């Protein structure tokens, strides 16, 4: 984390264009990694579809410790991924026709985040059984190891690191 902060600060010290370029490249790499997870998951449809057979039945064997405080913490963490709409408002001065493009950016950005989140969760559930999903501390690494062996865990670690 410290190296990431130093790298971003260093790139921004040369001007905003360098920092913006670094941000764009790292965001693109993160989207490539998430797309890889989604493709890995969808490639497991035949072997993982049975994980959805009891999707709407109450499961008493998986205990997630759902106390109100933990549920609130999970909601806050989930809502943080939708925080881009707030940041986008600061960019209206540099937008062409902000009255048209700002709502368009907000709607399309939210739809992309929702689609990526849902597809990633479906991919994890296609690869891993629900009890592993509930108990895993690092889903991407567990999914990578399940599909690609121990090498897959390293690949997923690197994808998450960037």
N, C-alpha and C. Protein backbone atom coordinates (compact mmCIF):
# COMPACT_ATOMS: atom_id res chain seq x y z
N UNK A 1 0.83 -1.19 0.00
CA UNK A 1 0.00 0.00 0.00
C UNK A 1 0.87 1.26 0.00
N UNK A 2 1.96 1.20 0.75
CA UNK A 2 2.85 2.36 0.80
C UNK A 2 3.48 2.59 -0.56
N UNK A 3 3.88 1.50 -1.22
CA UNK A 3 4.48 1.63 -2.55
C UNK A 3 3.49 2.22 -3.55
N UNK A 4 2.22 1.84 -3.43
CA UNK A 4 1.20 2.39 -4.33
C UNK A 4 1.03 3.88 -4.11
N UNK A 5 0.99 4.30 -2.86
CA UNK A 5 0.84 5.73 -2.55
C UNK A 5 2.04 6.52 -3.05
N UNK A 6 3.24 6.00 -2.84
CA UNK A 6 4.45 6.68 -3.30
C UNK A 6 4.46 6.76 -4.83
N UNK A 7 4.04 5.69 -5.50
CA UNK A 7 4.02 5.69 -6.97
C UNK A 7 3.04 6.72 -7.50
N UNK A 8 1.85 6.77 -6.93
CA UNK A 8 0.84 7.74 -7.38
C UNK A 8 1.31 9.16 -7.08
N UNK A 9 1.86 9.39 -5.89
CA UNK A 9 2.38 10.72 -5.56
C UNK A 9 3.51 11.13 -6.50
N UNK A 10 4.38 10.20 -6.81
CA UNK A 10 5.49 10.47 -7.71
C UNK A 10 4.99 10.82 -9.11
N UNK A 11 4.02 10.05 -9.61
CA UNK A 11 3.51 10.33 -10.96
C UNK A 11 2.75 11.66 -11.00
N UNK A 12 2.05 12.01 -9.91
CA UNK A 12 1.32 13.28 -9.87
C UNK A 12 2.26 14.47 -9.71
N UNK A 13 3.45 14.23 -9.20
CA UNK A 13 4.39 15.35 -9.03
C UNK A 13 4.88 15.89 -10.36
N UNK A 14 4.74 15.12 -11.43
CA UNK A 14 5.14 15.58 -12.76
C UNK A 14 3.99 16.22 -13.53
N UNK A 15 2.82 16.25 -12.95
CA UNK A 15 1.67 16.86 -13.59
C UNK A 15 0.47 15.92 -13.55
N UNK A 16 -0.67 16.51 -13.78
CA UNK A 16 -1.90 15.73 -13.72
C UNK A 16 -2.04 14.73 -14.86
N UNK A 17 -1.46 15.02 -16.01
CA UNK A 17 -1.59 14.09 -17.13
C UNK A 17 -0.92 12.75 -16.83
N UNK A 18 0.25 12.79 -16.17
CA UNK A 18 0.93 11.55 -15.81
C UNK A 18 0.14 10.76 -14.80
N UNK A 19 -0.42 11.44 -13.79
CA UNK A 19 -1.24 10.77 -12.79
C UNK A 19 -2.51 10.20 -13.39
N UNK A 20 -3.13 10.96 -14.31
CA UNK A 20 -4.34 10.47 -14.97
C UNK A 20 -4.03 9.25 -15.83
N UNK A 21 -2.88 9.28 -16.52
CA UNK A 21 -2.49 8.14 -17.34
C UNK A 21 -2.25 6.90 -16.47
N UNK A 22 -1.57 7.07 -15.34
CA UNK A 22 -1.32 5.95 -14.43
C UNK A 22 -2.64 5.40 -13.90
N UNK A 23 -3.55 6.28 -13.53
CA UNK A 23 -4.86 5.85 -13.04
C UNK A 23 -5.61 5.07 -14.10
N UNK A 24 -5.57 5.53 -15.34
CA UNK A 24 -6.26 4.84 -16.42
C UNK A 24 -5.65 3.46 -16.67
N UNK A 25 -4.33 3.38 -16.67
CA UNK A 25 -3.66 2.10 -16.90
C UNK A 25 -3.98 1.11 -15.77
N UNK A 26 -3.88 1.56 -14.52
CA UNK A 26 -4.15 0.65 -13.40
C UNK A 26 -5.62 0.23 -13.35
N UNK A 27 -6.54 1.13 -13.69
CA UNK A 27 -7.95 0.77 -13.76
C UNK A 27 -8.18 -0.26 -14.86
N UNK A 28 -7.54 -0.06 -16.01
CA UNK A 28 -7.65 -1.03 -17.09
C UNK A 28 -7.13 -2.39 -16.70
N UNK A 29 -5.99 -2.42 -15.99
CA UNK A 29 -5.44 -3.71 -15.53
C UNK A 29 -6.37 -4.39 -14.54
N UNK A 30 -6.99 -3.61 -13.66
CA UNK A 30 -7.94 -4.18 -12.70
C UNK A 30 -9.16 -4.74 -13.42
N UNK A 31 -9.65 -4.04 -14.45
CA UNK A 31 -10.79 -4.55 -15.20
C UNK A 31 -10.43 -5.81 -15.98
N UNK A 32 -9.20 -5.88 -16.49
CA UNK A 32 -8.75 -7.10 -17.17
C UNK A 32 -8.73 -8.27 -16.19
N UNK A 33 -8.23 -8.03 -14.96
CA UNK A 33 -8.18 -9.09 -13.95
C UNK A 33 -9.59 -9.55 -13.56
N UNK A 34 -10.51 -8.61 -13.37
CA UNK A 34 -11.89 -8.97 -13.01
C UNK A 34 -12.56 -9.70 -14.17
N UNK A 35 -12.31 -9.25 -15.39
CA UNK A 35 -12.86 -9.94 -16.56
C UNK A 35 -12.32 -11.37 -16.63
N UNK A 36 -11.05 -11.55 -16.29
CA UNK A 36 -10.48 -12.90 -16.25
C UNK A 36 -11.19 -13.78 -15.24
N UNK A 37 -11.50 -13.23 -14.07
CA UNK A 37 -12.24 -13.99 -13.05
C UNK A 37 -13.62 -14.37 -13.59
N UNK A 38 -14.29 -13.43 -14.23
CA UNK A 38 -15.63 -13.70 -14.77
C UNK A 38 -15.55 -14.78 -15.85
N UNK A 39 -14.57 -14.71 -16.73
CA UNK A 39 -14.43 -15.73 -17.78
C UNK A 39 -14.11 -17.08 -17.18
N UNK A 40 -13.22 -17.11 -16.16
CA UNK A 40 -12.93 -18.38 -15.48
C UNK A 40 -14.20 -18.97 -14.87
N UNK A 41 -15.00 -18.11 -14.25
CA UNK A 41 -16.24 -18.59 -13.65
C UNK A 41 -17.23 -19.10 -14.66
N UNK A 42 -17.40 -18.37 -15.74
CA UNK A 42 -18.36 -18.80 -16.76
C UNK A 42 -17.89 -20.07 -17.48
N UNK A 43 -16.58 -20.32 -17.46
CA UNK A 43 -16.08 -21.56 -18.06
C UNK A 43 -16.40 -22.77 -17.19
N UNK A 44 -16.86 -22.54 -15.97
CA UNK A 44 -17.18 -23.62 -15.04
C UNK A 44 -18.69 -23.85 -14.91
N UNK A 45 -19.48 -23.39 -15.88
CA UNK A 45 -20.94 -23.50 -15.78
C UNK A 45 -21.37 -24.95 -15.65
N UNK A 46 -20.79 -25.85 -16.42
CA UNK A 46 -21.21 -27.24 -16.38
C UNK A 46 -20.94 -27.89 -15.03
N UNK A 47 -19.80 -27.55 -14.43
CA UNK A 47 -19.46 -28.20 -13.16
C UNK A 47 -19.95 -27.43 -11.95
N UNK A 48 -20.28 -26.16 -12.10
CA UNK A 48 -20.66 -25.36 -10.94
C UNK A 48 -22.11 -24.96 -10.87
N UNK A 49 -22.90 -25.29 -11.88
CA UNK A 49 -24.31 -24.86 -11.89
C UNK A 49 -25.09 -25.45 -10.73
N UNK A 50 -24.69 -26.61 -10.22
CA UNK A 50 -25.41 -27.21 -9.11
C UNK A 50 -25.29 -26.40 -7.82
N UNK A 51 -24.35 -25.45 -7.76
CA UNK A 51 -24.24 -24.59 -6.58
C UNK A 51 -25.45 -23.66 -6.45
N UNK A 52 -26.20 -23.49 -7.52
CA UNK A 52 -27.36 -22.59 -7.51
C UNK A 52 -28.68 -23.33 -7.29
N UNK A 53 -28.64 -24.66 -7.19
CA UNK A 53 -29.88 -25.43 -7.07
C UNK A 53 -30.67 -25.08 -5.81
N UNK A 54 -29.98 -24.82 -4.73
CA UNK A 54 -30.64 -24.50 -3.48
C UNK A 54 -30.41 -23.04 -3.09
N UNK A 55 -30.35 -22.18 -4.08
CA UNK A 55 -29.98 -20.78 -3.84
C UNK A 55 -30.97 -20.03 -2.96
N UNK A 56 -32.24 -20.39 -3.03
CA UNK A 56 -33.25 -19.64 -2.29
C UNK A 56 -33.79 -20.39 -1.09
N UNK A 57 -33.13 -21.48 -0.72
CA UNK A 57 -33.52 -22.22 0.48
C UNK A 57 -32.68 -21.73 1.65
N UNK A 58 -33.25 -21.77 2.83
CA UNK A 58 -32.53 -21.35 4.02
C UNK A 58 -31.45 -22.38 4.32
N UNK A 59 -30.24 -21.92 4.49
CA UNK A 59 -29.11 -22.81 4.77
C UNK A 59 -28.66 -22.58 6.21
N UNK A 60 -28.86 -23.57 7.05
CA UNK A 60 -28.48 -23.43 8.45
C UNK A 60 -27.09 -23.98 8.73
N UNK A 61 -26.44 -24.56 7.72
CA UNK A 61 -25.12 -25.13 7.95
C UNK A 61 -24.01 -24.09 7.80
N UNK A 62 -24.29 -22.99 7.12
CA UNK A 62 -23.28 -21.94 6.95
C UNK A 62 -23.58 -20.83 7.94
N UNK A 63 -22.67 -20.60 8.85
CA UNK A 63 -22.84 -19.53 9.83
C UNK A 63 -21.91 -18.38 9.45
N UNK A 64 -22.48 -17.26 9.15
CA UNK A 64 -21.68 -16.10 8.75
C UNK A 64 -21.53 -15.08 9.87
N UNK A 65 -22.09 -15.36 11.05
CA UNK A 65 -21.96 -14.41 12.15
C UNK A 65 -22.71 -13.13 11.88
N UNK A 66 -23.92 -13.21 11.34
CA UNK A 66 -24.66 -12.05 10.88
C UNK A 66 -25.21 -11.17 11.98
N UNK A 67 -24.37 -10.66 12.84
CA UNK A 67 -24.83 -9.71 13.84
C UNK A 67 -25.10 -8.37 13.15
N UNK A 68 -25.95 -7.55 13.72
CA UNK A 68 -26.27 -6.27 13.07
C UNK A 68 -25.04 -5.41 12.77
N UNK A 69 -24.07 -5.40 13.65
CA UNK A 69 -22.87 -4.60 13.41
C UNK A 69 -22.09 -5.09 12.20
N UNK A 70 -21.97 -6.40 12.05
CA UNK A 70 -21.25 -6.95 10.90
C UNK A 70 -22.03 -6.73 9.60
N UNK A 71 -23.34 -6.82 9.69
CA UNK A 71 -24.16 -6.56 8.50
C UNK A 71 -24.01 -5.10 8.07
N UNK A 72 -24.01 -4.19 9.03
CA UNK A 72 -23.81 -2.77 8.73
C UNK A 72 -22.44 -2.52 8.12
N UNK A 73 -21.42 -3.19 8.64
CA UNK A 73 -20.08 -3.06 8.09
C UNK A 73 -20.02 -3.56 6.65
N UNK A 74 -20.71 -4.66 6.37
CA UNK A 74 -20.74 -5.18 5.01
C UNK A 74 -21.46 -4.22 4.07
N UNK A 75 -22.53 -3.60 4.54
CA UNK A 75 -23.27 -2.65 3.71
C UNK A 75 -22.42 -1.43 3.40
N UNK A 76 -21.70 -0.93 4.40
CA UNK A 76 -20.83 0.23 4.18
C UNK A 76 -19.75 -0.11 3.16
N UNK A 77 -19.15 -1.30 3.30
CA UNK A 77 -18.11 -1.70 2.35
C UNK A 77 -18.69 -1.85 0.95
N UNK A 78 -19.90 -2.37 0.82
CA UNK A 78 -20.52 -2.52 -0.50
C UNK A 78 -20.86 -1.16 -1.11
N UNK A 79 -21.36 -0.26 -0.31
CA UNK A 79 -21.72 1.06 -0.83
C UNK A 79 -20.51 1.88 -1.24
N UNK A 80 -19.36 1.57 -0.66
CA UNK A 80 -18.14 2.28 -1.02
C UNK A 80 -17.80 2.09 -2.48
N UNK A 81 -18.14 0.94 -3.04
CA UNK A 81 -17.85 0.71 -4.46
C UNK A 81 -18.72 1.57 -5.37
N UNK A 82 -19.82 2.11 -4.84
CA UNK A 82 -20.68 2.97 -5.63
C UNK A 82 -20.41 4.45 -5.40
N UNK A 83 -19.27 4.79 -4.83
CA UNK A 83 -18.97 6.16 -4.44
C UNK A 83 -18.54 7.05 -5.61
N UNK A 84 -18.37 6.48 -6.78
CA UNK A 84 -17.91 7.27 -7.91
C UNK A 84 -18.85 8.39 -8.31
N UNK A 85 -20.15 8.22 -8.07
CA UNK A 85 -21.09 9.28 -8.44
C UNK A 85 -20.78 10.56 -7.69
N UNK A 86 -20.33 10.45 -6.44
CA UNK A 86 -20.00 11.62 -5.65
C UNK A 86 -18.75 12.31 -6.20
N UNK A 87 -17.76 11.54 -6.54
CA UNK A 87 -16.51 12.09 -7.07
C UNK A 87 -16.72 12.70 -8.44
N UNK A 88 -17.61 12.13 -9.21
CA UNK A 88 -17.87 12.64 -10.55
C UNK A 88 -18.39 14.07 -10.53
N UNK A 89 -19.11 14.43 -9.49
CA UNK A 89 -19.65 15.79 -9.40
C UNK A 89 -18.56 16.85 -9.38
N UNK A 90 -17.37 16.51 -8.90
CA UNK A 90 -16.27 17.48 -8.87
C UNK A 90 -15.70 17.72 -10.27
N UNK A 91 -16.00 16.87 -11.21
CA UNK A 91 -15.43 16.98 -12.55
C UNK A 91 -16.33 17.74 -13.52
N UNK A 92 -17.43 18.28 -13.06
CA UNK A 92 -18.37 18.93 -13.98
C UNK A 92 -17.76 20.11 -14.71
N UNK A 93 -16.80 20.78 -14.11
CA UNK A 93 -16.19 21.94 -14.77
C UNK A 93 -15.42 21.53 -16.02
N UNK A 94 -14.92 20.31 -16.05
CA UNK A 94 -14.14 19.87 -17.21
C UNK A 94 -14.96 19.04 -18.19
N UNK A 95 -16.25 18.89 -17.95
CA UNK A 95 -17.11 18.13 -18.86
C UNK A 95 -17.71 19.04 -19.93
N UNK A 96 -17.82 18.52 -21.14
CA UNK A 96 -18.59 19.20 -22.16
C UNK A 96 -20.06 18.91 -21.91
N UNK A 97 -20.89 19.92 -21.96
CA UNK A 97 -22.33 19.80 -21.71
C UNK A 97 -22.62 18.97 -20.46
N UNK A 98 -22.24 19.47 -19.27
CA UNK A 98 -22.41 18.70 -18.04
C UNK A 98 -23.85 18.32 -17.73
N UNK A 99 -24.81 19.12 -18.16
CA UNK A 99 -26.21 18.78 -17.87
C UNK A 99 -26.64 17.51 -18.60
N UNK A 100 -25.97 17.18 -19.70
CA UNK A 100 -26.27 15.96 -20.44
C UNK A 100 -25.32 14.84 -20.05
N UNK A 101 -24.03 15.15 -19.99
CA UNK A 101 -23.02 14.11 -19.80
C UNK A 101 -22.87 13.64 -18.36
N UNK A 102 -23.13 14.49 -17.37
CA UNK A 102 -23.02 14.07 -15.98
C UNK A 102 -24.04 12.97 -15.63
N UNK A 103 -25.33 13.16 -15.92
CA UNK A 103 -26.27 12.06 -15.64
C UNK A 103 -25.93 10.79 -16.44
N UNK A 104 -25.48 10.97 -17.67
CA UNK A 104 -25.10 9.82 -18.50
C UNK A 104 -23.95 9.05 -17.85
N UNK A 105 -22.94 9.77 -17.37
CA UNK A 105 -21.79 9.13 -16.71
C UNK A 105 -22.22 8.42 -15.43
N UNK A 106 -23.09 9.05 -14.66
CA UNK A 106 -23.54 8.45 -13.41
C UNK A 106 -24.31 7.16 -13.70
N UNK A 107 -25.25 7.20 -14.62
CA UNK A 107 -26.07 6.02 -14.92
C UNK A 107 -25.21 4.90 -15.48
N UNK A 108 -24.39 5.17 -16.48
CA UNK A 108 -23.57 4.13 -17.09
C UNK A 108 -22.51 3.60 -16.12
N UNK A 109 -21.95 4.48 -15.30
CA UNK A 109 -20.98 4.03 -14.31
C UNK A 109 -21.61 3.10 -13.28
N UNK A 110 -22.79 3.46 -12.78
CA UNK A 110 -23.49 2.60 -11.82
C UNK A 110 -23.86 1.26 -12.45
N UNK A 111 -24.36 1.29 -13.68
CA UNK A 111 -24.72 0.03 -14.35
C UNK A 111 -23.51 -0.87 -14.55
N UNK A 112 -22.36 -0.27 -14.87
CA UNK A 112 -21.14 -1.07 -15.05
C UNK A 112 -20.70 -1.69 -13.73
N UNK A 113 -20.73 -0.91 -12.65
CA UNK A 113 -20.33 -1.43 -11.34
C UNK A 113 -21.27 -2.56 -10.90
N UNK A 114 -22.56 -2.38 -11.09
CA UNK A 114 -23.52 -3.41 -10.72
C UNK A 114 -23.30 -4.67 -11.54
N UNK A 115 -23.14 -4.53 -12.86
CA UNK A 115 -22.94 -5.69 -13.73
C UNK A 115 -21.65 -6.43 -13.38
N UNK A 116 -20.58 -5.70 -13.17
CA UNK A 116 -19.30 -6.35 -12.83
C UNK A 116 -19.39 -7.05 -11.49
N UNK A 117 -20.04 -6.42 -10.51
CA UNK A 117 -20.18 -7.03 -9.18
C UNK A 117 -21.01 -8.30 -9.24
N UNK A 118 -22.15 -8.25 -9.92
CA UNK A 118 -23.01 -9.43 -10.01
C UNK A 118 -22.31 -10.55 -10.77
N UNK A 119 -21.70 -10.23 -11.91
CA UNK A 119 -21.01 -11.27 -12.69
C UNK A 119 -19.83 -11.87 -11.93
N UNK A 120 -19.12 -11.06 -11.17
CA UNK A 120 -18.01 -11.58 -10.37
C UNK A 120 -18.52 -12.52 -9.29
N UNK A 121 -19.60 -12.16 -8.62
CA UNK A 121 -20.17 -13.04 -7.60
C UNK A 121 -20.71 -14.33 -8.19
N UNK A 122 -21.35 -14.25 -9.34
CA UNK A 122 -21.83 -15.47 -10.02
C UNK A 122 -20.64 -16.35 -10.40
N UNK A 123 -19.56 -15.73 -10.88
CA UNK A 123 -18.36 -16.49 -11.24
C UNK A 123 -17.80 -17.21 -10.02
N UNK A 124 -17.70 -16.53 -8.90
CA UNK A 124 -17.18 -17.17 -7.69
C UNK A 124 -18.07 -18.33 -7.26
N UNK A 125 -19.39 -18.15 -7.37
CA UNK A 125 -20.30 -19.22 -6.98
C UNK A 125 -20.31 -20.38 -7.97
N UNK A 126 -19.95 -20.13 -9.22
CA UNK A 126 -19.82 -21.23 -10.17
C UNK A 126 -18.55 -22.04 -9.92
N UNK A 127 -17.52 -21.38 -9.44
CA UNK A 127 -16.24 -22.06 -9.22
C UNK A 127 -16.21 -22.75 -7.86
N UNK A 128 -16.67 -22.07 -6.82
CA UNK A 128 -16.54 -22.56 -5.45
C UNK A 128 -17.90 -22.89 -4.85
N UNK A 129 -17.95 -23.91 -3.99
CA UNK A 129 -19.20 -24.20 -3.30
C UNK A 129 -19.56 -23.09 -2.30
N UNK A 130 -20.83 -22.93 -1.98
CA UNK A 130 -21.26 -21.84 -1.11
C UNK A 130 -20.57 -21.82 0.25
N UNK A 131 -20.26 -22.98 0.84
CA UNK A 131 -19.61 -22.97 2.15
C UNK A 131 -18.19 -22.42 2.06
N UNK A 132 -17.50 -22.64 0.94
CA UNK A 132 -16.16 -22.08 0.75
C UNK A 132 -16.26 -20.57 0.52
N UNK A 133 -17.26 -20.14 -0.24
CA UNK A 133 -17.46 -18.71 -0.48
C UNK A 133 -17.72 -18.00 0.84
N UNK A 134 -18.53 -18.61 1.71
CA UNK A 134 -18.87 -17.99 2.99
C UNK A 134 -17.69 -17.92 3.94
N UNK A 135 -16.77 -18.87 3.84
CA UNK A 135 -15.68 -18.91 4.82
C UNK A 135 -14.34 -18.40 4.29
N UNK A 136 -14.23 -18.15 2.99
CA UNK A 136 -12.95 -17.76 2.41
C UNK A 136 -12.61 -16.32 2.73
N UNK A 137 -11.35 -16.07 3.00
CA UNK A 137 -10.86 -14.70 3.23
C UNK A 137 -10.39 -14.06 1.92
N UNK A 138 -10.10 -14.88 0.90
CA UNK A 138 -9.61 -14.38 -0.39
C UNK A 138 -10.25 -15.21 -1.50
N UNK A 139 -11.42 -14.79 -1.95
CA UNK A 139 -12.17 -15.56 -2.94
C UNK A 139 -11.42 -15.71 -4.27
N UNK A 140 -10.81 -14.64 -4.74
CA UNK A 140 -10.14 -14.70 -6.04
C UNK A 140 -9.00 -15.71 -6.01
N UNK A 141 -8.25 -15.75 -4.92
CA UNK A 141 -7.14 -16.69 -4.81
C UNK A 141 -7.68 -18.12 -4.73
N UNK A 142 -8.72 -18.34 -3.93
CA UNK A 142 -9.32 -19.68 -3.82
C UNK A 142 -9.87 -20.14 -5.17
N UNK A 143 -10.52 -19.22 -5.90
CA UNK A 143 -11.06 -19.58 -7.22
C UNK A 143 -9.94 -19.87 -8.20
N UNK A 144 -8.90 -19.06 -8.18
CA UNK A 144 -7.76 -19.30 -9.07
C UNK A 144 -7.09 -20.63 -8.81
N UNK A 145 -6.92 -20.98 -7.53
CA UNK A 145 -6.32 -22.27 -7.19
C UNK A 145 -7.20 -23.44 -7.59
N UNK A 146 -8.52 -23.26 -7.49
CA UNK A 146 -9.45 -24.34 -7.85
C UNK A 146 -9.42 -24.60 -9.36
N UNK A 147 -9.35 -23.54 -10.15
CA UNK A 147 -9.41 -23.70 -11.61
C UNK A 147 -8.03 -23.96 -12.21
N UNK A 148 -7.03 -23.22 -11.77
CA UNK A 148 -5.71 -23.28 -12.41
C UNK A 148 -4.63 -23.95 -11.56
N UNK A 149 -4.99 -24.46 -10.39
CA UNK A 149 -3.99 -25.05 -9.51
C UNK A 149 -3.28 -23.98 -8.70
N UNK A 150 -2.16 -24.34 -8.07
CA UNK A 150 -1.46 -23.38 -7.20
C UNK A 150 -0.97 -22.17 -7.98
N UNK A 151 -0.66 -22.34 -9.26
CA UNK A 151 -0.24 -21.24 -10.11
C UNK A 151 -1.35 -20.18 -10.22
N UNK A 152 -2.60 -20.63 -10.24
CA UNK A 152 -3.73 -19.72 -10.34
C UNK A 152 -3.85 -18.79 -9.15
N UNK A 153 -3.47 -19.27 -7.98
CA UNK A 153 -3.49 -18.42 -6.80
C UNK A 153 -2.53 -17.27 -6.93
N UNK A 154 -1.34 -17.54 -7.49
CA UNK A 154 -0.36 -16.47 -7.69
C UNK A 154 -0.85 -15.47 -8.73
N UNK A 155 -1.46 -15.98 -9.80
CA UNK A 155 -1.97 -15.10 -10.86
C UNK A 155 -3.04 -14.17 -10.28
N UNK A 156 -3.96 -14.73 -9.50
CA UNK A 156 -5.02 -13.92 -8.91
C UNK A 156 -4.45 -12.92 -7.89
N UNK A 157 -3.45 -13.32 -7.14
CA UNK A 157 -2.82 -12.40 -6.19
C UNK A 157 -2.25 -11.18 -6.90
N UNK A 158 -1.60 -11.42 -8.02
CA UNK A 158 -1.02 -10.31 -8.78
C UNK A 158 -2.12 -9.44 -9.38
N UNK A 159 -3.19 -10.07 -9.86
CA UNK A 159 -4.30 -9.30 -10.41
C UNK A 159 -4.97 -8.40 -9.37
N UNK A 160 -5.10 -8.91 -8.16
CA UNK A 160 -5.71 -8.12 -7.10
C UNK A 160 -4.76 -7.03 -6.60
N UNK A 161 -3.46 -7.32 -6.63
CA UNK A 161 -2.48 -6.36 -6.12
C UNK A 161 -2.45 -5.06 -6.93
N UNK A 162 -2.73 -5.14 -8.22
CA UNK A 162 -2.71 -3.95 -9.04
C UNK A 162 -4.05 -3.28 -9.02
